[in-house]
Amino acid sequence: MDSVTDLELVTAFCQQDEKRALGTLYERYGHLVVGLCLDYLKDREAARDATMDVFEKVTLKVCNQPIESFRAWLFYTSRNHCIDLLRKKIREREKAGKIPDAPFMESGEAERPLSEIRLTQLPQALAALSEEQAACVRLFYLKGLSYTQVCEQTGYDLKKVKSYLQNGRRNLRIKLEKMAHEE
């Protein structure tokens, strides 16, 4: 099955219930999904569990989606699953009375909770961003919308949304750091 394309394997799974096709896709991409989940979750066991969850989702969703590139679709499915897990963790912390992690900080900084002072500075820091960046950051990070939903809400194309998010996140971090040093 090595010479068979990803989309042929998806078709075999969906139309002929060929379970080995899904196994082949797992062999091809399982390690990449584990790596991606590890980048997001920072825990090897959680990444392995998330990978199993992702491939379970694959069995449920792959036949109902128009897929042009399985690898890209799997990447976005995996990424969204990890983001959902992180959001769930944040909600659990909020319910427990803890201050949530900063979802817009660079990797490595997510372990540091936002102080109350930084939380109060967030609106001012957001106001310092360009209108486009602020809108995308609010919708994606604070309201939890997907890239597609942000595109629909703002009217920006996907590349613009990703650019506004990346630049907005960086500019927001810089502004919050500058405000912290001014205290």
N, C-alpha and C. Protein backbone atom coordinates (compact mmCIF):
# COMPACT_ATOMS: atom_id res chain seq x y z
N MET A 1 0.82 -1.20 0.00
CA MET A 1 0.00 0.00 0.00
C MET A 1 0.86 1.26 0.00
N ASP A 2 2.18 1.11 -0.06
CA ASP A 2 3.06 2.28 -0.03
C ASP A 2 2.93 3.15 -1.27
N SER A 3 2.59 2.57 -2.42
CA SER A 3 2.50 3.35 -3.65
C SER A 3 1.13 4.00 -3.82
N VAL A 4 0.22 3.71 -2.93
CA VAL A 4 -1.13 4.26 -3.00
C VAL A 4 -1.12 5.66 -2.38
N THR A 5 -1.81 6.61 -3.02
CA THR A 5 -1.85 7.98 -2.49
C THR A 5 -2.73 8.06 -1.26
N ASP A 6 -2.57 9.14 -0.52
CA ASP A 6 -3.39 9.36 0.67
C ASP A 6 -4.87 9.39 0.32
N LEU A 7 -5.21 10.10 -0.75
CA LEU A 7 -6.62 10.23 -1.11
C LEU A 7 -7.20 8.90 -1.58
N GLU A 8 -6.38 8.06 -2.22
CA GLU A 8 -6.86 6.71 -2.58
C GLU A 8 -7.12 5.88 -1.33
N LEU A 9 -6.29 6.05 -0.32
CA LEU A 9 -6.51 5.34 0.95
C LEU A 9 -7.79 5.84 1.63
N VAL A 10 -8.00 7.14 1.61
CA VAL A 10 -9.23 7.70 2.19
C VAL A 10 -10.45 7.14 1.47
N THR A 11 -10.38 7.10 0.14
CA THR A 11 -11.49 6.56 -0.65
C THR A 11 -11.73 5.09 -0.31
N ALA A 12 -10.65 4.32 -0.19
CA ALA A 12 -10.79 2.90 0.15
C ALA A 12 -11.44 2.74 1.52
N PHE A 13 -11.06 3.57 2.45
CA PHE A 13 -11.64 3.50 3.79
C PHE A 13 -13.12 3.88 3.75
N CYS A 14 -13.44 4.96 3.06
CA CYS A 14 -14.80 5.48 3.06
C CYS A 14 -15.76 4.63 2.22
N GLN A 15 -15.32 4.19 1.06
CA GLN A 15 -16.23 3.49 0.16
C GLN A 15 -16.25 1.97 0.37
N GLN A 16 -15.12 1.42 0.83
CA GLN A 16 -15.06 -0.04 0.96
C GLN A 16 -14.83 -0.48 2.40
N ASP A 17 -14.86 0.49 3.34
CA ASP A 17 -14.65 0.20 4.76
C ASP A 17 -13.35 -0.58 4.96
N GLU A 18 -12.33 -0.19 4.22
CA GLU A 18 -11.02 -0.85 4.26
C GLU A 18 -10.23 -0.30 5.44
N LYS A 19 -10.22 -1.03 6.53
CA LYS A 19 -9.56 -0.59 7.78
C LYS A 19 -8.04 -0.49 7.61
N ARG A 20 -7.47 -1.35 6.78
CA ARG A 20 -6.01 -1.30 6.58
C ARG A 20 -5.59 0.03 5.96
N ALA A 21 -6.46 0.64 5.18
CA ALA A 21 -6.14 1.95 4.57
C ALA A 21 -5.90 2.98 5.67
N LEU A 22 -6.74 2.96 6.69
CA LEU A 22 -6.57 3.89 7.80
C LEU A 22 -5.28 3.57 8.56
N GLY A 23 -4.97 2.29 8.70
CA GLY A 23 -3.72 1.88 9.35
C GLY A 23 -2.51 2.41 8.60
N THR A 24 -2.58 2.37 7.28
CA THR A 24 -1.48 2.88 6.47
C THR A 24 -1.32 4.39 6.66
N LEU A 25 -2.44 5.10 6.72
CA LEU A 25 -2.38 6.54 6.97
C LEU A 25 -1.79 6.83 8.34
N TYR A 26 -2.14 6.01 9.32
CA TYR A 26 -1.57 6.17 10.65
C TYR A 26 -0.06 5.95 10.62
N GLU A 27 0.36 4.91 9.90
CA GLU A 27 1.81 4.64 9.79
C GLU A 27 2.53 5.80 9.13
N ARG A 28 1.90 6.42 8.15
CA ARG A 28 2.53 7.54 7.44
C ARG A 28 2.61 8.80 8.30
N TYR A 29 1.56 9.06 9.07
CA TYR A 29 1.45 10.37 9.71
C TYR A 29 1.35 10.35 11.24
N GLY A 30 1.25 9.19 11.84
CA GLY A 30 1.10 9.12 13.29
C GLY A 30 2.20 9.86 14.04
N HIS A 31 3.44 9.64 13.62
CA HIS A 31 4.56 10.30 14.30
C HIS A 31 4.52 11.82 14.14
N LEU A 32 4.02 12.29 13.00
CA LEU A 32 3.91 13.74 12.80
C LEU A 32 2.83 14.34 13.70
N VAL A 33 1.73 13.60 13.87
CA VAL A 33 0.65 14.08 14.73
C VAL A 33 1.13 14.11 16.18
N VAL A 34 1.88 13.08 16.60
CA VAL A 34 2.42 13.06 17.97
C VAL A 34 3.32 14.29 18.17
N GLY A 35 4.18 14.57 17.20
CA GLY A 35 5.08 15.73 17.30
C GLY A 35 4.32 17.04 17.38
N LEU A 36 3.30 17.19 16.55
CA LEU A 36 2.50 18.41 16.57
C LEU A 36 1.79 18.55 17.92
N CYS A 37 1.20 17.46 18.40
CA CYS A 37 0.50 17.50 19.70
C CYS A 37 1.48 17.80 20.83
N LEU A 38 2.68 17.27 20.72
CA LEU A 38 3.69 17.53 21.75
C LEU A 38 4.07 19.01 21.77
N ASP A 39 4.15 19.63 20.60
CA ASP A 39 4.44 21.06 20.53
C ASP A 39 3.38 21.88 21.26
N TYR A 40 2.13 21.48 21.12
CA TYR A 40 1.04 22.22 21.76
C TYR A 40 0.88 21.87 23.23
N LEU A 41 0.92 20.59 23.55
CA LEU A 41 0.55 20.13 24.89
C LEU A 41 1.72 20.04 25.85
N LYS A 42 2.93 19.99 25.34
CA LYS A 42 4.15 19.95 26.16
C LYS A 42 4.23 18.75 27.10
N ASP A 43 3.53 17.67 26.76
CA ASP A 43 3.53 16.47 27.59
C ASP A 43 3.43 15.26 26.66
N ARG A 44 4.41 14.37 26.76
CA ARG A 44 4.50 13.24 25.84
C ARG A 44 3.27 12.32 25.92
N GLU A 45 2.84 11.99 27.13
CA GLU A 45 1.67 11.10 27.28
C GLU A 45 0.41 11.76 26.76
N ALA A 46 0.24 13.04 27.07
CA ALA A 46 -0.93 13.77 26.58
C ALA A 46 -0.91 13.84 25.05
N ALA A 47 0.29 13.99 24.47
CA ALA A 47 0.42 14.04 23.01
C ALA A 47 0.04 12.69 22.39
N ARG A 48 0.45 11.61 23.01
CA ARG A 48 0.08 10.27 22.50
C ARG A 48 -1.42 10.05 22.61
N ASP A 49 -2.00 10.44 23.74
CA ASP A 49 -3.45 10.31 23.91
C ASP A 49 -4.19 11.15 22.88
N ALA A 50 -3.71 12.37 22.67
CA ALA A 50 -4.34 13.26 21.70
C ALA A 50 -4.25 12.68 20.29
N THR A 51 -3.14 12.03 19.98
CA THR A 51 -2.98 11.41 18.66
C THR A 51 -4.02 10.32 18.46
N MET A 52 -4.24 9.52 19.48
CA MET A 52 -5.27 8.48 19.39
C MET A 52 -6.64 9.11 19.20
N ASP A 53 -6.91 10.20 19.92
CA ASP A 53 -8.18 10.90 19.77
C ASP A 53 -8.33 11.46 18.36
N VAL A 54 -7.25 12.01 17.82
CA VAL A 54 -7.29 12.58 16.47
C VAL A 54 -7.62 11.50 15.45
N PHE A 55 -6.97 10.35 15.55
CA PHE A 55 -7.23 9.30 14.58
C PHE A 55 -8.62 8.69 14.77
N GLU A 56 -9.15 8.77 15.97
CA GLU A 56 -10.54 8.35 16.17
C GLU A 56 -11.46 9.33 15.46
N LYS A 57 -11.14 10.63 15.56
CA LYS A 57 -11.91 11.65 14.85
C LYS A 57 -11.81 11.43 13.33
N VAL A 58 -10.63 11.03 12.88
CA VAL A 58 -10.44 10.77 11.46
C VAL A 58 -11.45 9.73 10.98
N THR A 59 -11.61 8.66 11.74
CA THR A 59 -12.55 7.61 11.33
C THR A 59 -13.97 8.13 11.25
N LEU A 60 -14.31 9.10 12.09
CA LEU A 60 -15.67 9.63 12.12
C LEU A 60 -15.92 10.73 11.10
N LYS A 61 -14.88 11.52 10.79
CA LYS A 61 -15.08 12.73 9.99
C LYS A 61 -14.55 12.66 8.56
N VAL A 62 -13.58 11.82 8.31
CA VAL A 62 -12.89 11.88 7.02
C VAL A 62 -13.83 11.62 5.84
N CYS A 63 -14.84 10.81 6.03
CA CYS A 63 -15.74 10.48 4.92
C CYS A 63 -16.77 11.57 4.65
N ASN A 64 -16.92 12.49 5.58
CA ASN A 64 -17.94 13.53 5.44
C ASN A 64 -17.35 14.88 5.06
N GLN A 65 -16.07 14.92 4.74
CA GLN A 65 -15.40 16.19 4.46
C GLN A 65 -14.80 16.17 3.05
N PRO A 66 -14.88 17.31 2.35
CA PRO A 66 -14.18 17.38 1.07
C PRO A 66 -12.68 17.61 1.35
N ILE A 67 -11.87 16.66 1.01
CA ILE A 67 -10.44 16.72 1.34
C ILE A 67 -9.63 16.75 0.05
N GLU A 68 -8.83 17.79 -0.08
CA GLU A 68 -7.94 17.89 -1.24
C GLU A 68 -6.56 17.35 -0.91
N SER A 69 -6.14 17.56 0.34
CA SER A 69 -4.84 17.07 0.81
C SER A 69 -5.06 16.47 2.20
N PHE A 70 -4.93 15.15 2.31
CA PHE A 70 -5.16 14.50 3.59
C PHE A 70 -4.18 15.01 4.64
N ARG A 71 -2.94 15.17 4.25
CA ARG A 71 -1.92 15.62 5.21
C ARG A 71 -2.29 16.98 5.80
N ALA A 72 -2.70 17.92 4.95
CA ALA A 72 -3.09 19.25 5.44
C ALA A 72 -4.34 19.16 6.31
N TRP A 73 -5.31 18.37 5.87
CA TRP A 73 -6.53 18.20 6.65
C TRP A 73 -6.22 17.59 8.02
N LEU A 74 -5.35 16.59 8.03
CA LEU A 74 -4.96 15.94 9.28
C LEU A 74 -4.23 16.93 10.20
N PHE A 75 -3.38 17.76 9.62
CA PHE A 75 -2.67 18.77 10.39
C PHE A 75 -3.66 19.71 11.08
N TYR A 76 -4.63 20.24 10.32
CA TYR A 76 -5.59 21.18 10.90
C TYR A 76 -6.50 20.49 11.91
N THR A 77 -6.88 19.26 11.64
CA THR A 77 -7.70 18.50 12.58
C THR A 77 -6.92 18.30 13.89
N SER A 78 -5.65 17.95 13.78
CA SER A 78 -4.80 17.73 14.95
C SER A 78 -4.60 19.02 15.73
N ARG A 79 -4.30 20.08 15.02
CA ARG A 79 -4.08 21.38 15.64
C ARG A 79 -5.32 21.84 16.37
N ASN A 80 -6.46 21.73 15.72
CA ASN A 80 -7.71 22.17 16.35
C ASN A 80 -8.04 21.32 17.57
N HIS A 81 -7.74 20.03 17.51
CA HIS A 81 -7.98 19.16 18.66
C HIS A 81 -7.11 19.60 19.85
N CYS A 82 -5.85 19.88 19.58
CA CYS A 82 -4.95 20.33 20.65
C CYS A 82 -5.41 21.67 21.23
N ILE A 83 -5.82 22.57 20.38
CA ILE A 83 -6.30 23.88 20.85
C ILE A 83 -7.55 23.69 21.70
N ASP A 84 -8.43 22.79 21.28
CA ASP A 84 -9.62 22.50 22.09
C ASP A 84 -9.23 21.96 23.46
N LEU A 85 -8.23 21.08 23.50
CA LEU A 85 -7.77 20.55 24.79
C LEU A 85 -7.21 21.65 25.67
N LEU A 86 -6.44 22.56 25.08
CA LEU A 86 -5.87 23.67 25.85
C LEU A 86 -6.96 24.61 26.36
N ARG A 87 -7.95 24.88 25.52
CA ARG A 87 -9.06 25.73 25.95
C ARG A 87 -9.83 25.08 27.09
N LYS A 88 -10.01 23.78 27.00
CA LYS A 88 -10.70 23.05 28.06
C LYS A 88 -9.91 23.17 29.37
N LYS A 89 -8.60 23.05 29.26
CA LYS A 89 -7.74 23.18 30.44
C LYS A 89 -7.86 24.57 31.04
N ILE A 90 -7.91 25.59 30.21
CA ILE A 90 -8.06 26.97 30.68
C ILE A 90 -9.40 27.13 31.38
N ARG A 91 -10.48 26.60 30.78
CA ARG A 91 -11.80 26.70 31.42
C ARG A 91 -11.80 26.00 32.77
N GLU A 92 -11.14 24.86 32.86
CA GLU A 92 -11.06 24.14 34.14
C GLU A 92 -10.31 24.97 35.18
N ARG A 93 -9.25 25.64 34.77
CA ARG A 93 -8.51 26.50 35.69
C ARG A 93 -9.36 27.68 36.14
N GLU A 94 -10.10 28.25 35.18
CA GLU A 94 -10.97 29.37 35.54
C GLU A 94 -12.02 28.93 36.54
N LYS A 95 -12.61 27.75 36.34
CA LYS A 95 -13.61 27.24 37.27
C LYS A 95 -13.00 26.99 38.64
N ALA A 96 -11.74 26.61 38.66
CA ALA A 96 -11.06 26.34 39.92
C ALA A 96 -10.60 27.65 40.58
N GLY A 97 -10.83 28.78 39.91
CA GLY A 97 -10.48 30.08 40.49
C GLY A 97 -9.08 30.54 40.18
N LYS A 98 -8.40 29.85 39.27
CA LYS A 98 -7.04 30.25 38.91
C LYS A 98 -7.11 31.19 37.72
N ILE A 99 -6.10 32.03 37.60
CA ILE A 99 -6.00 32.93 36.46
C ILE A 99 -5.59 32.11 35.25
N PRO A 100 -6.25 32.26 34.09
CA PRO A 100 -5.91 31.46 32.92
C PRO A 100 -4.55 31.82 32.34
N ASP A 101 -3.98 30.83 31.66
CA ASP A 101 -2.73 31.08 30.93
C ASP A 101 -3.01 32.04 29.80
N ALA A 102 -1.97 32.72 29.35
CA ALA A 102 -2.12 33.66 28.25
C ALA A 102 -2.13 32.89 26.94
N PRO A 103 -3.26 32.84 26.23
CA PRO A 103 -3.30 32.05 25.01
C PRO A 103 -2.56 32.69 23.85
N PHE A 104 -2.19 33.96 23.99
CA PHE A 104 -1.56 34.65 22.87
C PHE A 104 -0.07 34.83 23.06
N MET A 105 0.50 34.21 24.08
CA MET A 105 1.92 34.35 24.32
C MET A 105 2.69 33.31 23.50
N GLU A 106 3.94 33.57 23.30
CA GLU A 106 4.79 32.65 22.56
C GLU A 106 4.95 31.35 23.34
N SER A 107 5.31 30.28 22.64
CA SER A 107 5.49 29.01 23.33
C SER A 107 6.57 29.16 24.39
N GLY A 108 6.38 28.46 25.50
CA GLY A 108 7.29 28.61 26.62
C GLY A 108 6.78 29.63 27.62
N GLU A 109 6.07 30.64 27.14
CA GLU A 109 5.51 31.63 28.03
C GLU A 109 4.14 31.21 28.54
N ALA A 110 3.53 30.22 27.88
CA ALA A 110 2.17 29.82 28.26
C ALA A 110 2.12 29.24 29.66
N GLU A 111 3.25 28.78 30.21
CA GLU A 111 3.25 28.25 31.56
C GLU A 111 3.10 29.37 32.60
N ARG A 112 3.42 30.60 32.25
CA ARG A 112 3.31 31.72 33.18
C ARG A 112 1.90 32.29 33.12
N PRO A 113 1.20 32.30 34.24
CA PRO A 113 -0.14 32.88 34.21
C PRO A 113 -0.05 34.40 34.07
N LEU A 114 -1.09 34.95 33.48
CA LEU A 114 -1.17 36.41 33.40
C LEU A 114 -1.45 36.94 34.79
N SER A 115 -0.70 37.92 35.18
CA SER A 115 -0.97 38.54 36.48
C SER A 115 -2.24 39.38 36.35
N GLU A 116 -2.81 39.73 37.49
CA GLU A 116 -4.01 40.56 37.47
C GLU A 116 -3.73 41.90 36.81
N ILE A 117 -2.54 42.42 37.05
CA ILE A 117 -2.17 43.70 36.45
C ILE A 117 -2.15 43.59 34.93
N ARG A 118 -1.53 42.51 34.43
CA ARG A 118 -1.47 42.34 32.97
C ARG A 118 -2.86 42.12 32.39
N LEU A 119 -3.73 41.44 33.13
CA LEU A 119 -5.11 41.26 32.66
C LEU A 119 -5.81 42.61 32.53
N THR A 120 -5.56 43.50 33.46
CA THR A 120 -6.19 44.82 33.39
C THR A 120 -5.57 45.66 32.27
N GLN A 121 -4.34 45.36 31.90
CA GLN A 121 -3.67 46.10 30.82
C GLN A 121 -4.04 45.57 29.44
N LEU A 122 -4.63 44.40 29.40
CA LEU A 122 -4.94 43.76 28.12
C LEU A 122 -5.79 44.64 27.21
N PRO A 123 -6.88 45.26 27.69
CA PRO A 123 -7.67 46.12 26.78
C PRO A 123 -6.85 47.26 26.18
N GLN A 124 -5.99 47.87 27.01
CA GLN A 124 -5.15 48.97 26.51
C GLN A 124 -4.15 48.45 25.49
N ALA A 125 -3.58 47.28 25.75
CA ALA A 125 -2.62 46.70 24.82
C ALA A 125 -3.30 46.32 23.51
N LEU A 126 -4.51 45.77 23.60
CA LEU A 126 -5.27 45.44 22.39
C LEU A 126 -5.59 46.69 21.58
N ALA A 127 -5.87 47.79 22.28
CA ALA A 127 -6.20 49.05 21.60
C ALA A 127 -4.99 49.59 20.83
N ALA A 128 -3.79 49.19 21.24
CA ALA A 128 -2.58 49.66 20.57
C ALA A 128 -2.32 48.91 19.25
N LEU A 129 -3.01 47.80 19.05
CA LEU A 129 -2.83 47.03 17.81
C LEU A 129 -3.58 47.70 16.68
N SER A 130 -3.22 47.34 15.46
CA SER A 130 -4.00 47.82 14.32
C SER A 130 -5.40 47.23 14.44
N GLU A 131 -6.35 47.86 13.81
CA GLU A 131 -7.75 47.41 13.89
C GLU A 131 -7.88 45.96 13.42
N GLU A 132 -7.18 45.62 12.35
CA GLU A 132 -7.26 44.26 11.80
C GLU A 132 -6.68 43.24 12.77
N GLN A 133 -5.49 43.55 13.32
CA GLN A 133 -4.86 42.64 14.26
C GLN A 133 -5.71 42.45 15.51
N ALA A 134 -6.22 43.55 16.05
CA ALA A 134 -7.03 43.48 17.27
C ALA A 134 -8.29 42.65 17.03
N ALA A 135 -8.93 42.85 15.90
CA ALA A 135 -10.16 42.09 15.60
C ALA A 135 -9.85 40.60 15.52
N CYS A 136 -8.80 40.24 14.82
CA CYS A 136 -8.45 38.83 14.66
C CYS A 136 -8.04 38.21 16.00
N VAL A 137 -7.25 38.92 16.80
CA VAL A 137 -6.83 38.41 18.11
C VAL A 137 -8.04 38.21 19.02
N ARG A 138 -8.94 39.17 19.04
CA ARG A 138 -10.15 39.05 19.89
C ARG A 138 -10.98 37.83 19.49
N LEU A 139 -11.22 37.69 18.18
CA LEU A 139 -12.07 36.60 17.71
C LEU A 139 -11.42 35.23 17.91
N PHE A 140 -10.13 35.13 17.60
CA PHE A 140 -9.45 33.83 17.63
C PHE A 140 -9.10 33.42 19.06
N TYR A 141 -8.44 34.30 19.80
CA TYR A 141 -7.94 33.92 21.12
C TYR A 141 -8.96 34.15 22.24
N LEU A 142 -9.67 35.23 22.19
CA LEU A 142 -10.56 35.54 23.30
C LEU A 142 -11.95 34.93 23.13
N LYS A 143 -12.43 34.85 21.88
CA LYS A 143 -13.74 34.24 21.65
C LYS A 143 -13.63 32.78 21.23
N GLY A 144 -12.42 32.33 20.89
CA GLY A 144 -12.20 30.93 20.57
C GLY A 144 -12.71 30.49 19.21
N LEU A 145 -12.83 31.42 18.26
CA LEU A 145 -13.28 31.05 16.93
C LEU A 145 -12.15 30.39 16.14
N SER A 146 -12.51 29.60 15.15
CA SER A 146 -11.52 28.96 14.29
C SER A 146 -11.05 29.97 13.23
N TYR A 147 -10.00 29.59 12.49
CA TYR A 147 -9.53 30.46 11.41
C TYR A 147 -10.67 30.75 10.44
N THR A 148 -11.40 29.72 10.06
CA THR A 148 -12.49 29.87 9.10
C THR A 148 -13.54 30.84 9.63
N GLN A 149 -13.89 30.70 10.89
CA GLN A 149 -14.89 31.58 11.48
C GLN A 149 -14.39 33.01 11.54
N VAL A 150 -13.11 33.20 11.83
CA VAL A 150 -12.54 34.55 11.85
C VAL A 150 -12.60 35.14 10.44
N CYS A 151 -12.28 34.33 9.44
CA CYS A 151 -12.37 34.80 8.04
C CYS A 151 -13.79 35.24 7.71
N GLU A 152 -14.76 34.43 8.12
CA GLU A 152 -16.16 34.76 7.84
C GLU A 152 -16.59 36.03 8.55
N GLN A 153 -16.18 36.20 9.80
CA GLN A 153 -16.59 37.37 10.59
C GLN A 153 -15.95 38.66 10.10
N THR A 154 -14.69 38.56 9.67
CA THR A 154 -13.95 39.78 9.31
C THR A 154 -13.98 40.08 7.81
N GLY A 155 -14.18 39.04 7.01
CA GLY A 155 -14.11 39.21 5.56
C GLY A 155 -12.70 39.13 5.01
N TYR A 156 -11.71 38.88 5.88
CA TYR A 156 -10.32 38.75 5.43
C TYR A 156 -10.08 37.32 4.92
N ASP A 157 -9.15 37.18 3.97
CA ASP A 157 -8.82 35.83 3.52
C ASP A 157 -7.93 35.15 4.56
N LEU A 158 -7.77 33.84 4.43
CA LEU A 158 -7.08 33.03 5.43
C LEU A 158 -5.64 33.49 5.65
N LYS A 159 -4.91 33.81 4.58
CA LYS A 159 -3.53 34.26 4.74
C LYS A 159 -3.46 35.56 5.54
N LYS A 160 -4.39 36.47 5.28
CA LYS A 160 -4.43 37.74 6.01
C LYS A 160 -4.71 37.49 7.49
N VAL A 161 -5.69 36.61 7.77
CA VAL A 161 -6.04 36.31 9.16
C VAL A 161 -4.83 35.75 9.89
N LYS A 162 -4.14 34.80 9.28
CA LYS A 162 -2.96 34.20 9.91
C LYS A 162 -1.87 35.25 10.15
N SER A 163 -1.70 36.12 9.18
CA SER A 163 -0.70 37.19 9.31
C SER A 163 -1.08 38.16 10.43
N TYR A 164 -2.35 38.58 10.45
CA TYR A 164 -2.80 39.49 11.51
C TYR A 164 -2.65 38.84 12.88
N LEU A 165 -2.94 37.55 12.97
CA LEU A 165 -2.80 36.86 14.26
C LEU A 165 -1.35 36.78 14.69
N GLN A 166 -0.49 36.40 13.77
CA GLN A 166 0.93 36.27 14.11
C GLN A 166 1.51 37.62 14.53
N ASN A 167 1.27 38.64 13.73
CA ASN A 167 1.80 39.97 14.04
C ASN A 167 1.11 40.57 15.26
N GLY A 168 -0.19 40.34 15.39
CA GLY A 168 -0.93 40.85 16.53
C GLY A 168 -0.45 40.24 17.83
N ARG A 169 -0.21 38.94 17.82
CA ARG A 169 0.29 38.24 19.01
C ARG A 169 1.66 38.80 19.41
N ARG A 170 2.53 38.98 18.43
CA ARG A 170 3.87 39.52 18.70
C ARG A 170 3.76 40.95 19.25
N ASN A 171 2.98 41.79 18.59
CA ASN A 171 2.84 43.18 19.01
C ASN A 171 2.18 43.29 20.38
N LEU A 172 1.23 42.40 20.66
CA LEU A 172 0.57 42.40 21.96
C LEU A 172 1.57 42.02 23.06
N ARG A 173 2.38 41.01 22.79
CA ARG A 173 3.40 40.61 23.77
C ARG A 173 4.36 41.75 24.03
N ILE A 174 4.82 42.41 22.97
CA ILE A 174 5.76 43.53 23.11
C ILE A 174 5.12 44.66 23.92
N LYS A 175 3.87 44.99 23.61
CA LYS A 175 3.17 46.07 24.32
C LYS A 175 3.00 45.74 25.79
N LEU A 176 2.59 44.50 26.10
CA LEU A 176 2.42 44.10 27.50
C LEU A 176 3.74 44.12 28.26
N GLU A 177 4.82 43.70 27.59
CA GLU A 177 6.14 43.73 28.23
C GLU A 177 6.57 45.17 28.49
N LYS A 178 6.33 46.05 27.52
CA LYS A 178 6.69 47.45 27.67
C LYS A 178 5.89 48.08 28.82
N MET A 179 4.62 47.75 28.91
CA MET A 179 3.78 48.29 29.98
C MET A 179 4.24 47.76 31.33
N ALA A 180 4.71 46.52 31.40
CA ALA A 180 5.20 45.94 32.65
C ALA A 180 6.46 46.63 33.11
N HIS A 181 7.33 47.02 32.17
CA HIS A 181 8.58 47.70 32.51
C HIS A 181 8.36 49.15 32.92
N GLU A 182 7.25 49.74 32.48
CA GLU A 182 6.97 51.13 32.81
C GLU A 182 6.43 51.29 34.23
N GLU A 183 6.03 50.18 34.82
CA GLU A 183 5.44 50.26 36.18
C GLU A 183 6.46 50.59 37.22
